[in-house]
Amino acid sequence: YTGLRIGTSTAKGIAYGAEIKMIAVDTLQAMALKAIENYNDKSFVFVS
């Protein structure tokens, strides 16, 4: 909870200050993508 709040408030500050877009990335999907790159097998399933 605390970590996510810190990251979010910092990202919001940058987006507001620089007037740029803000993107939210699924924490679990990002890890899965790395695993998929390491295990290049179409039959595998990935649990983050």
All heavy atoms as atom14 arrays in JSON, in Angstrom:
{
  "sequence": "YTGLRIGTSTAKGIAYGAEIKMIAVDTLQAMALKAIENYNDKSFVFVS",
  "atom14_mask": [
    [1, 1, 1, 1, 1, 1, 1, 1, 1, 1, 1, 1, 0, 0],
    [1, 1, 1, 1, 1, 1, 1, 0, 0, 0, 0, 0, 0, 0],
    [1, 1, 1, 1, 0, 0, 0, 0, 0, 0, 0, 0, 0, 0],
    [1, 1, 1, 1, 1, 1, 1, 1, 0, 0, 0, 0, 0, 0],
    [1, 1, 1, 1, 1, 1, 1, 1, 1, 1, 1, 0, 0, 0],
    [1, 1, 1, 1, 1, 1, 1, 1, 0, 0, 0, 0, 0, 0],
    [1, 1, 1, 1, 0, 0, 0, 0, 0, 0, 0, 0, 0, 0],
    [1, 1, 1, 1, 1, 1, 1, 0, 0, 0, 0, 0, 0, 0],
    [1, 1, 1, 1, 1, 1, 0, 0, 0, 0, 0, 0, 0, 0],
    [1, 1, 1, 1, 1, 1, 1, 0, 0, 0, 0, 0, 0, 0],
    [1, 1, 1, 1, 1, 0, 0, 0, 0, 0, 0, 0, 0, 0],
    [1, 1, 1, 1, 1, 1, 1, 1, 1, 0, 0, 0, 0, 0],
    [1, 1, 1, 1, 0, 0, 0, 0, 0, 0, 0, 0, 0, 0],
    [1, 1, 1, 1, 1, 1, 1, 1, 0, 0, 0, 0, 0, 0],
    [1, 1, 1, 1, 1, 0, 0, 0, 0, 0, 0, 0, 0, 0],
    [1, 1, 1, 1, 1, 1, 1, 1, 1, 1, 1, 1, 0, 0],
    [1, 1, 1, 1, 0, 0, 0, 0, 0, 0, 0, 0, 0, 0],
    [1, 1, 1, 1, 1, 0, 0, 0, 0, 0, 0, 0, 0, 0],
    [1, 1, 1, 1, 1, 1, 1, 1, 1, 0, 0, 0, 0, 0],
    [1, 1, 1, 1, 1, 1, 1, 1, 0, 0, 0, 0, 0, 0],
    [1, 1, 1, 1, 1, 1, 1, 1, 1, 0, 0, 0, 0, 0],
    [1, 1, 1, 1, 1, 1, 1, 1, 0, 0, 0, 0, 0, 0],
    [1, 1, 1, 1, 1, 1, 1, 1, 0, 0, 0, 0, 0, 0],
    [1, 1, 1, 1, 1, 0, 0, 0, 0, 0, 0, 0, 0, 0],
    [1, 1, 1, 1, 1, 1, 1, 0, 0, 0, 0, 0, 0, 0],
    [1, 1, 1, 1, 1, 1, 1, 1, 0, 0, 0, 0, 0, 0],
    [1, 1, 1, 1, 1, 1, 1, 0, 0, 0, 0, 0, 0, 0],
    [1, 1, 1, 1, 1, 1, 1, 1, 0, 0, 0, 0, 0, 0],
    [1, 1, 1, 1, 1, 1, 1, 1, 1, 0, 0, 0, 0, 0],
    [1, 1, 1, 1, 1, 0, 0, 0, 0, 0, 0, 0, 0, 0],
    [1, 1, 1, 1, 1, 1, 1, 1, 0, 0, 0, 0, 0, 0],
    [1, 1, 1, 1, 1, 0, 0, 0, 0, 0, 0, 0, 0, 0],
    [1, 1, 1, 1, 1, 1, 1, 1, 0, 0, 0, 0, 0, 0],
    [1, 1, 1, 1, 1, 1, 1, 1, 1, 0, 0, 0, 0, 0],
    [1, 1, 1, 1, 1, 0, 0, 0, 0, 0, 0, 0, 0, 0],
    [1, 1, 1, 1, 1, 1, 1, 1, 0, 0, 0, 0, 0, 0],
    [1, 1, 1, 1, 1, 1, 1, 1, 1, 0, 0, 0, 0, 0],
    [1, 1, 1, 1, 1, 1, 1, 1, 0, 0, 0, 0, 0, 0],
    [1, 1, 1, 1, 1, 1, 1, 1, 1, 1, 1, 1, 0, 0],
    [1, 1, 1, 1, 1, 1, 1, 1, 0, 0, 0, 0, 0, 0],
    [1, 1, 1, 1, 1, 1, 1, 1, 0, 0, 0, 0, 0, 0],
    [1, 1, 1, 1, 1, 1, 1, 1, 1, 0, 0, 0, 0, 0],
    [1, 1, 1, 1, 1, 1, 0, 0, 0, 0, 0, 0, 0, 0],
    [1, 1, 1, 1, 1, 1, 1, 1, 1, 1, 1, 0, 0, 0],
    [1, 1, 1, 1, 1, 1, 1, 0, 0, 0, 0, 0, 0, 0],
    [1, 1, 1, 1, 1, 1, 1, 1, 1, 1, 1, 0, 0, 0],
    [1, 1, 1, 1, 1, 1, 1, 0, 0, 0, 0, 0, 0, 0],
    [1, 1, 1, 1, 1, 1, 0, 0, 0, 0, 0, 0, 0, 0]
  ],
  "atom14_positions": [
    [[0.84, -1.2, 0.0], [0.0, 0.0, 0.0], [0.87, 1.25, 0.0], [0.7, 2.14, -0.83], [-0.92, 0.0, 1.22], [-1.8, 1.23, 1.33], [-3.04, 1.27, 0.69], [-1.4, 2.34, 2.07], [-3.85, 2.39, 0.78], [-2.19, 3.47, 2.16], [-3.42, 3.48, 1.52], [-4.21, 4.6, 1.61], [0.0, 0.0, 0.0], [0.0, 0.0, 0.0]],
    [[1.83, 1.29, 0.92], [2.69, 2.47, 1.03], [3.53, 2.66, -0.22], [3.65, 3.76, -0.76], [3.6, 2.38, 2.26], [2.79, 2.25, 3.43], [4.48, 3.61, 2.39], [0.0, 0.0, 0.0], [0.0, 0.0, 0.0], [0.0, 0.0, 0.0], [0.0, 0.0, 0.0], [0.0, 0.0, 0.0], [0.0, 0.0, 0.0], [0.0, 0.0, 0.0]],
    [[4.14, 1.58, -0.7], [4.98, 1.67, -1.89], [4.22, 2.16, -3.1], [4.67, 3.04, -3.85], [0.0, 0.0, 0.0], [0.0, 0.0, 0.0], [0.0, 0.0, 0.0], [0.0, 0.0, 0.0], [0.0, 0.0, 0.0], [0.0, 0.0, 0.0], [0.0, 0.0, 0.0], [0.0, 0.0, 0.0], [0.0, 0.0, 0.0], [0.0, 0.0, 0.0]],
    [[3.03, 1.61, -3.32], [2.23, 2.02, -4.46], [1.81, 3.47, -4.36], [1.77, 4.19, -5.37], [0.99, 1.12, -4.58], [1.26, -0.33, -5.01], [-0.02, -1.16, -4.87], [1.78, -0.39, -6.43], [0.0, 0.0, 0.0], [0.0, 0.0, 0.0], [0.0, 0.0, 0.0], [0.0, 0.0, 0.0], [0.0, 0.0, 0.0], [0.0, 0.0, 0.0]],
    [[1.49, 3.93, -3.16], [1.11, 5.33, -2.98], [2.28, 6.27, -3.31], [2.09, 7.31, -3.94], [0.65, 5.59, -1.54], [-0.59, 4.86, -1.13], [-1.82, 5.26, -1.91], [-2.2, 6.64, -1.73], [-3.26, 7.21, -2.3], [-4.03, 6.5, -3.09], [-3.55, 8.47, -2.09], [0.0, 0.0, 0.0], [0.0, 0.0, 0.0], [0.0, 0.0, 0.0]],
    [[3.47, 5.89, -2.89], [4.64, 6.72, -3.17], [4.9, 6.79, -4.67], [5.14, 7.87, -5.23], [5.88, 6.18, -2.42], [5.7, 6.36, -0.92], [7.16, 6.87, -2.91], [6.74, 5.63, -0.08], [0.0, 0.0, 0.0], [0.0, 0.0, 0.0], [0.0, 0.0, 0.0], [0.0, 0.0, 0.0], [0.0, 0.0, 0.0], [0.0, 0.0, 0.0]],
    [[4.86, 5.64, -5.33], [5.09, 5.62, -6.77], [4.04, 6.41, -7.53], [4.37, 7.18, -8.45], [0.0, 0.0, 0.0], [0.0, 0.0, 0.0], [0.0, 0.0, 0.0], [0.0, 0.0, 0.0], [0.0, 0.0, 0.0], [0.0, 0.0, 0.0], [0.0, 0.0, 0.0], [0.0, 0.0, 0.0], [0.0, 0.0, 0.0], [0.0, 0.0, 0.0]],
    [[2.8, 6.25, -7.13], [1.7, 6.94, -7.82], [1.78, 8.45, -7.63], [1.63, 9.22, -8.59], [0.35, 6.42, -7.3], [0.22, 5.04, -7.63], [-0.81, 7.2, -7.92], [0.0, 0.0, 0.0], [0.0, 0.0, 0.0], [0.0, 0.0, 0.0], [0.0, 0.0, 0.0], [0.0, 0.0, 0.0], [0.0, 0.0, 0.0], [0.0, 0.0, 0.0]],
    [[2.03, 8.89, -6.4], [2.09, 10.34, -6.16], [3.27, 10.97, -6.9], [3.15, 12.1, -7.41], [2.18, 10.63, -4.66], [3.35, 10.05, -4.1], [0.0, 0.0, 0.0], [0.0, 0.0, 0.0], [0.0, 0.0, 0.0], [0.0, 0.0, 0.0], [0.0, 0.0, 0.0], [0.0, 0.0, 0.0], [0.0, 0.0, 0.0], [0.0, 0.0, 0.0]],
    [[4.38, 10.26, -6.99], [5.54, 10.77, -7.73], [5.23, 10.87, -9.22], [5.53, 11.87, -9.87], [6.76, 9.87, -7.5], [7.06, 9.81, -6.11], [7.97, 10.41, -8.25], [0.0, 0.0, 0.0], [0.0, 0.0, 0.0], [0.0, 0.0, 0.0], [0.0, 0.0, 0.0], [0.0, 0.0, 0.0], [0.0, 0.0, 0.0], [0.0, 0.0, 0.0]],
    [[4.62, 9.83, -9.76], [4.26, 9.84, -11.18], [3.27, 10.96, -11.48], [3.39, 11.66, -12.5], [3.67, 8.49, -11.58], [0.0, 0.0, 0.0], [0.0, 0.0, 0.0], [0.0, 0.0, 0.0], [0.0, 0.0, 0.0], [0.0, 0.0, 0.0], [0.0, 0.0, 0.0], [0.0, 0.0, 0.0], [0.0, 0.0, 0.0], [0.0, 0.0, 0.0]],
    [[2.31, 11.16, -10.6], [1.34, 12.24, -10.8], [2.02, 13.6, -10.78], [1.69, 14.48, -11.59], [0.25, 12.18, -9.72], [-0.74, 11.05, -9.9], [-1.87, 11.15, -8.88], [-2.94, 10.1, -9.14], [-4.12, 10.25, -8.27], [0.0, 0.0, 0.0], [0.0, 0.0, 0.0], [0.0, 0.0, 0.0], [0.0, 0.0, 0.0], [0.0, 0.0, 0.0]],
    [[2.97, 13.76, -9.87], [3.69, 15.03, -9.8], [4.44, 15.33, -11.09], [4.42, 16.47, -11.58], [0.0, 0.0, 0.0], [0.0, 0.0, 0.0], [0.0, 0.0, 0.0], [0.0, 0.0, 0.0], [0.0, 0.0, 0.0], [0.0, 0.0, 0.0], [0.0, 0.0, 0.0], [0.0, 0.0, 0.0], [0.0, 0.0, 0.0], [0.0, 0.0, 0.0]],
    [[5.09, 14.31, -11.64], [5.82, 14.49, -12.91], [4.84, 14.8, -14.04], [5.06, 15.7, -14.85], [6.65, 13.24, -13.23], [7.75, 13.05, -12.2], [7.25, 13.34, -14.63], [8.5, 11.73, -12.32], [0.0, 0.0, 0.0], [0.0, 0.0, 0.0], [0.0, 0.0, 0.0], [0.0, 0.0, 0.0], [0.0, 0.0, 0.0], [0.0, 0.0, 0.0]],
    [[3.75, 14.04, -14.11], [2.78, 14.22, -15.19], [2.14, 15.62, -15.13], [2.0, 16.29, -16.16], [1.7, 13.15, -15.1], [0.0, 0.0, 0.0], [0.0, 0.0, 0.0], [0.0, 0.0, 0.0], [0.0, 0.0, 0.0], [0.0, 0.0, 0.0], [0.0, 0.0, 0.0], [0.0, 0.0, 0.0], [0.0, 0.0, 0.0], [0.0, 0.0, 0.0]],
    [[1.79, 16.05, -13.93], [1.21, 17.39, -13.78], [2.23, 18.47, -14.14], [1.94, 19.38, -14.92], [0.77, 17.6, -12.32], [-0.65, 17.22, -12.02], [-0.93, 16.32, -10.99], [-1.72, 17.74, -12.75], [-2.23, 15.95, -10.69], [-3.02, 17.38, -12.45], [-3.27, 16.5, -11.43], [-4.56, 16.14, -11.13], [0.0, 0.0, 0.0], [0.0, 0.0, 0.0]],
    [[3.42, 18.34, -13.56], [4.42, 19.39, -13.73], [4.9, 19.54, -15.17], [5.11, 20.66, -15.64], [0.0, 0.0, 0.0], [0.0, 0.0, 0.0], [0.0, 0.0, 0.0], [0.0, 0.0, 0.0], [0.0, 0.0, 0.0], [0.0, 0.0, 0.0], [0.0, 0.0, 0.0], [0.0, 0.0, 0.0], [0.0, 0.0, 0.0], [0.0, 0.0, 0.0]],
    [[5.07, 18.42, -15.85], [5.59, 18.45, -17.22], [4.48, 18.42, -18.27], [4.76, 18.49, -19.47], [6.54, 17.28, -17.45], [0.0, 0.0, 0.0], [0.0, 0.0, 0.0], [0.0, 0.0, 0.0], [0.0, 0.0, 0.0], [0.0, 0.0, 0.0], [0.0, 0.0, 0.0], [0.0, 0.0, 0.0], [0.0, 0.0, 0.0], [0.0, 0.0, 0.0]],
    [[3.25, 18.28, -17.79], [2.09, 18.2, -18.69], [2.25, 17.08, -19.72], [2.15, 17.28, -20.93], [1.85, 19.55, -19.39], [1.52, 20.67, -18.41], [1.2, 21.99, -19.1], [1.54, 22.12, -20.3], [0.64, 22.87, -18.45], [0.0, 0.0, 0.0], [0.0, 0.0, 0.0], [0.0, 0.0, 0.0], [0.0, 0.0, 0.0], [0.0, 0.0, 0.0]],
    [[2.54, 15.89, -19.21], [2.72, 14.71, -20.05], [1.73, 13.62, -19.64], [1.07, 13.72, -18.6], [4.16, 14.16, -19.98], [4.54, 13.83, -18.53], [5.14, 15.16, -20.59], [5.91, 13.2, -18.37], [0.0, 0.0, 0.0], [0.0, 0.0, 0.0], [0.0, 0.0, 0.0], [0.0, 0.0, 0.0], [0.0, 0.0, 0.0], [0.0, 0.0, 0.0]],
    [[1.64, 12.59, -20.46], [0.7, 11.51, -20.21], [1.2, 10.6, -19.09], [2.39, 10.44, -18.87], [0.5, 10.68, -21.48], [-0.03, 11.47, -22.67], [-1.42, 12.04, -22.38], [-1.99, 12.71, -23.62], [-3.33, 13.3, -23.36], [0.0, 0.0, 0.0], [0.0, 0.0, 0.0], [0.0, 0.0, 0.0], [0.0, 0.0, 0.0], [0.0, 0.0, 0.0]],
    [[0.22, 10.0, -18.39], [0.53, 9.04, -17.33], [-0.03, 7.68, -17.72], [-1.16, 7.55, -18.2], [-0.06, 9.49, -16.0], [0.24, 8.56, -14.84], [-0.28, 9.31, -13.27], [-0.23, 7.88, -12.18], [0.0, 0.0, 0.0], [0.0, 0.0, 0.0], [0.0, 0.0, 0.0], [0.0, 0.0, 0.0], [0.0, 0.0, 0.0], [0.0, 0.0, 0.0]],
    [[0.79, 6.64, -17.52], [0.45, 5.27, -17.9], [0.55, 4.38, -16.66], [1.48, 4.54, -15.86], [1.4, 4.76, -19.0], [1.21, 5.58, -20.28], [1.21, 3.27, -19.27], [2.33, 5.42, -21.28], [0.0, 0.0, 0.0], [0.0, 0.0, 0.0], [0.0, 0.0, 0.0], [0.0, 0.0, 0.0], [0.0, 0.0, 0.0], [0.0, 0.0, 0.0]],
    [[-0.38, 3.47, -16.51], [-0.34, 2.51, -15.4], [-0.09, 1.12, -15.96], [-0.79, 0.67, -16.87], [-1.66, 2.53, -14.63], [0.0, 0.0, 0.0], [0.0, 0.0, 0.0], [0.0, 0.0, 0.0], [0.0, 0.0, 0.0], [0.0, 0.0, 0.0], [0.0, 0.0, 0.0], [0.0, 0.0, 0.0], [0.0, 0.0, 0.0], [0.0, 0.0, 0.0]],
    [[0.93, 0.44, -15.44], [1.33, -0.88, -15.92], [1.02, -1.93, -14.86], [1.33, -1.74, -13.68], [2.84, -0.9, -16.27], [3.29, -2.31, -16.63], [3.14, 0.07, -17.4], [0.0, 0.0, 0.0], [0.0, 0.0, 0.0], [0.0, 0.0, 0.0], [0.0, 0.0, 0.0], [0.0, 0.0, 0.0], [0.0, 0.0, 0.0], [0.0, 0.0, 0.0]],
    [[0.41, -3.01, -15.28], [0.1, -4.14, -14.4], [1.41, -4.74, -13.88], [2.21, -5.26, -14.66], [-0.71, -5.17, -15.19], [-1.16, -6.36, -14.36], [-0.54, -6.66, -13.33], [-2.12, -7.03, -14.78], [0.0, 0.0, 0.0], [0.0, 0.0, 0.0], [0.0, 0.0, 0.0], [0.0, 0.0, 0.0], [0.0, 0.0, 0.0], [0.0, 0.0, 0.0]],
    [[1.6, -4.69, -12.58], [2.83, -5.21, -11.96], [3.07, -6.67, -12.32], [4.19, -7.08, -12.64], [2.74, -5.06, -10.43], [2.48, -3.7, -10.09], [4.02, -5.52, -9.75], [0.0, 0.0, 0.0], [0.0, 0.0, 0.0], [0.0, 0.0, 0.0], [0.0, 0.0, 0.0], [0.0, 0.0, 0.0], [0.0, 0.0, 0.0], [0.0, 0.0, 0.0]],
    [[2.03, -7.47, -12.26], [2.15, -8.89, -12.51], [2.38, -9.19, -13.99], [3.14, -10.1, -14.35], [0.9, -9.62, -12.01], [0.66, -9.48, -10.49], [-0.7, -10.06, -10.12], [1.76, -10.16, -9.7], [0.0, 0.0, 0.0], [0.0, 0.0, 0.0], [0.0, 0.0, 0.0], [0.0, 0.0, 0.0], [0.0, 0.0, 0.0], [0.0, 0.0, 0.0]],
    [[1.76, -8.43, -14.86], [1.94, -8.64, -16.3], [3.36, -8.31, -16.74], [3.91, -8.96, -17.64], [0.93, -7.81, -17.08], [0.92, -8.12, -18.57], [-0.19, -7.42, -19.31], [-0.65, -6.37, -18.9], [-0.64, -8.0, -20.41], [0.0, 0.0, 0.0], [0.0, 0.0, 0.0], [0.0, 0.0, 0.0], [0.0, 0.0, 0.0], [0.0, 0.0, 0.0]],
    [[3.95, -7.31, -16.12], [5.33, -6.94, -16.46], [6.29, -8.08, -16.14], [7.21, -8.38, -16.93], [5.73, -5.67, -15.73], [0.0, 0.0, 0.0], [0.0, 0.0, 0.0], [0.0, 0.0, 0.0], [0.0, 0.0, 0.0], [0.0, 0.0, 0.0], [0.0, 0.0, 0.0], [0.0, 0.0, 0.0], [0.0, 0.0, 0.0], [0.0, 0.0, 0.0]],
    [[6.1, -8.73, -15.0], [6.95, -9.88, -14.66], [6.71, -11.04, -15.61], [7.65, -11.73, -16.02], [6.71, -10.31, -13.21], [7.28, -9.37, -12.17], [7.25, -10.12, -10.51], [5.49, -10.24, -10.22], [0.0, 0.0, 0.0], [0.0, 0.0, 0.0], [0.0, 0.0, 0.0], [0.0, 0.0, 0.0], [0.0, 0.0, 0.0], [0.0, 0.0, 0.0]],
    [[5.45, -11.27, -15.95], [5.13, -12.36, -16.87], [5.8, -12.15, -18.22], [6.31, -13.09, -18.83], [3.62, -12.46, -17.04], [0.0, 0.0, 0.0], [0.0, 0.0, 0.0], [0.0, 0.0, 0.0], [0.0, 0.0, 0.0], [0.0, 0.0, 0.0], [0.0, 0.0, 0.0], [0.0, 0.0, 0.0], [0.0, 0.0, 0.0], [0.0, 0.0, 0.0]],
    [[5.83, -10.91, -18.69], [6.46, -10.62, -19.97], [7.94, -10.99, -19.95], [8.46, -11.56, -20.91], [6.29, -9.15, -20.31], [6.9, -8.68, -21.64], [6.32, -9.47, -22.81], [6.68, -7.19, -21.84], [0.0, 0.0, 0.0], [0.0, 0.0, 0.0], [0.0, 0.0, 0.0], [0.0, 0.0, 0.0], [0.0, 0.0, 0.0], [0.0, 0.0, 0.0]],
    [[8.61, -10.69, -18.86], [10.02, -11.05, -18.74], [10.19, -12.58, -18.77], [11.09, -13.11, -19.44], [10.6, -10.49, -17.45], [12.04, -10.9, -17.16], [12.99, -10.44, -18.27], [14.42, -10.81, -17.95], [15.34, -10.46, -19.06], [0.0, 0.0, 0.0], [0.0, 0.0, 0.0], [0.0, 0.0, 0.0], [0.0, 0.0, 0.0], [0.0, 0.0, 0.0]],
    [[9.32, -13.29, -18.08], [9.4, -14.76, -18.07], [9.13, -15.33, -19.45], [9.79, -16.28, -19.89], [8.4, -15.31, -17.06], [0.0, 0.0, 0.0], [0.0, 0.0, 0.0], [0.0, 0.0, 0.0], [0.0, 0.0, 0.0], [0.0, 0.0, 0.0], [0.0, 0.0, 0.0], [0.0, 0.0, 0.0], [0.0, 0.0, 0.0], [0.0, 0.0, 0.0]],
    [[8.17, -14.74, -20.16], [7.85, -15.21, -21.51], [9.04, -15.04, -22.44], [9.32, -15.9, -23.28], [6.62, -14.45, -22.05], [5.37, -14.89, -21.27], [6.43, -14.67, -23.54], [4.17, -13.98, -21.46], [0.0, 0.0, 0.0], [0.0, 0.0, 0.0], [0.0, 0.0, 0.0], [0.0, 0.0, 0.0], [0.0, 0.0, 0.0], [0.0, 0.0, 0.0]],
    [[9.75, -13.95, -22.29], [10.95, -13.72, -23.1], [12.03, -14.76, -22.79], [12.77, -15.18, -23.67], [11.49, -12.3, -22.84], [10.58, -11.2, -23.38], [11.03, -9.81, -22.96], [11.92, -9.71, -22.1], [10.48, -8.83, -23.49], [0.0, 0.0, 0.0], [0.0, 0.0, 0.0], [0.0, 0.0, 0.0], [0.0, 0.0, 0.0], [0.0, 0.0, 0.0]],
    [[12.11, -15.18, -21.52], [13.13, -16.16, -21.12], [12.74, -17.59, -21.52], [13.61, -18.41, -21.8], [13.35, -16.1, -19.61], [14.07, -14.83, -19.19], [14.46, -14.01, -20.02], [14.26, -14.66, -17.89], [0.0, 0.0, 0.0], [0.0, 0.0, 0.0], [0.0, 0.0, 0.0], [0.0, 0.0, 0.0], [0.0, 0.0, 0.0], [0.0, 0.0, 0.0]],
    [[11.44, -17.88, -21.49], [10.95, -19.22, -21.8], [10.1, -19.13, -23.06], [8.89, -19.0, -23.01], [10.11, -19.78, -20.64], [10.92, -20.06, -19.4], [11.18, -19.06, -18.48], [11.41, -21.34, -19.14], [11.93, -19.31, -17.33], [12.15, -21.61, -18.0], [12.4, -20.58, -17.11], [13.14, -20.84, -15.98], [0.0, 0.0, 0.0], [0.0, 0.0, 0.0]],
    [[10.74, -19.23, -24.18], [10.07, -19.05, -25.47], [9.41, -20.35, -25.91], [9.87, -21.04, -26.81], [11.08, -18.56, -26.51], [10.43, -18.22, -27.83], [9.24, -17.94, -27.89], [11.22, -18.23, -28.89], [0.0, 0.0, 0.0], [0.0, 0.0, 0.0], [0.0, 0.0, 0.0], [0.0, 0.0, 0.0], [0.0, 0.0, 0.0], [0.0, 0.0, 0.0]],
    [[8.31, -20.68, -25.24], [7.59, -21.91, -25.53], [6.1, -21.61, -25.51], [5.55, -21.21, -24.48], [7.93, -22.99, -24.51], [7.45, -24.37, -24.93], [6.26, -24.48, -25.32], [8.22, -25.33, -24.85], [0.0, 0.0, 0.0], [0.0, 0.0, 0.0], [0.0, 0.0, 0.0], [0.0, 0.0, 0.0], [0.0, 0.0, 0.0], [0.0, 0.0, 0.0]],
    [[5.42, -21.82, -26.63], [4.0, -21.46, -26.76], [3.09, -22.31, -25.9], [1.93, -21.95, -25.66], [3.57, -21.55, -28.22], [4.23, -20.52, -29.12], [3.73, -20.63, -30.55], [4.39, -19.57, -31.42], [3.93, -19.65, -32.84], [0.0, 0.0, 0.0], [0.0, 0.0, 0.0], [0.0, 0.0, 0.0], [0.0, 0.0, 0.0], [0.0, 0.0, 0.0]],
    [[3.58, -23.45, -25.43], [2.73, -24.33, -24.63], [2.76, -23.98, -23.14], [1.96, -24.5, -22.36], [3.16, -25.78, -24.81], [4.45, -26.0, -24.24], [0.0, 0.0, 0.0], [0.0, 0.0, 0.0], [0.0, 0.0, 0.0], [0.0, 0.0, 0.0], [0.0, 0.0, 0.0], [0.0, 0.0, 0.0], [0.0, 0.0, 0.0], [0.0, 0.0, 0.0]],
    [[3.68, -23.11, -22.73], [3.84, -22.78, -21.32], [2.75, -21.81, -20.85], [2.22, -21.02, -21.62], [5.2, -22.14, -21.05], [6.33, -23.13, -20.96], [6.25, -24.38, -21.54], [7.51, -22.79, -20.29], [7.3, -25.29, -21.47], [8.56, -23.69, -20.21], [8.46, -24.93, -20.79], [0.0, 0.0, 0.0], [0.0, 0.0, 0.0], [0.0, 0.0, 0.0]],
    [[2.44, -21.9, -19.57], [1.55, -20.95, -18.89], [2.37, -20.25, -17.82], [3.3, -20.84, -17.24], [0.33, -21.68, -18.28], [-0.55, -20.71, -17.5], [-0.47, -22.38, -19.37], [0.0, 0.0, 0.0], [0.0, 0.0, 0.0], [0.0, 0.0, 0.0], [0.0, 0.0, 0.0], [0.0, 0.0, 0.0], [0.0, 0.0, 0.0], [0.0, 0.0, 0.0]],
    [[2.04, -18.99, -17.55], [2.85, -18.18, -16.65], [1.99, -17.61, -15.51], [0.94, -17.03, -15.77], [3.52, -17.04, -17.42], [4.44, -17.54, -18.5], [3.94, -17.9, -19.75], [5.79, -17.68, -18.27], [4.77, -18.39, -20.74], [6.64, -18.18, -19.25], [6.13, -18.53, -20.49], [0.0, 0.0, 0.0], [0.0, 0.0, 0.0], [0.0, 0.0, 0.0]],
    [[2.46, -17.83, -14.29], [1.76, -17.32, -13.12], [2.66, -16.31, -12.42], [3.75, -16.65, -11.93], [1.39, -18.45, -12.14], [0.7, -17.87, -10.9], [0.48, -19.47, -12.82], [0.0, 0.0, 0.0], [0.0, 0.0, 0.0], [0.0, 0.0, 0.0], [0.0, 0.0, 0.0], [0.0, 0.0, 0.0], [0.0, 0.0, 0.0], [0.0, 0.0, 0.0]],
    [[2.22, -15.06, -12.39], [2.94, -14.02, -11.65], [2.3, -13.9, -10.28], [1.07, -13.84, -10.16], [2.85, -12.68, -12.37], [3.66, -12.66, -13.51], [0.0, 0.0, 0.0], [0.0, 0.0, 0.0], [0.0, 0.0, 0.0], [0.0, 0.0, 0.0], [0.0, 0.0, 0.0], [0.0, 0.0, 0.0], [0.0, 0.0, 0.0], [0.0, 0.0, 0.0]]
  ]
}
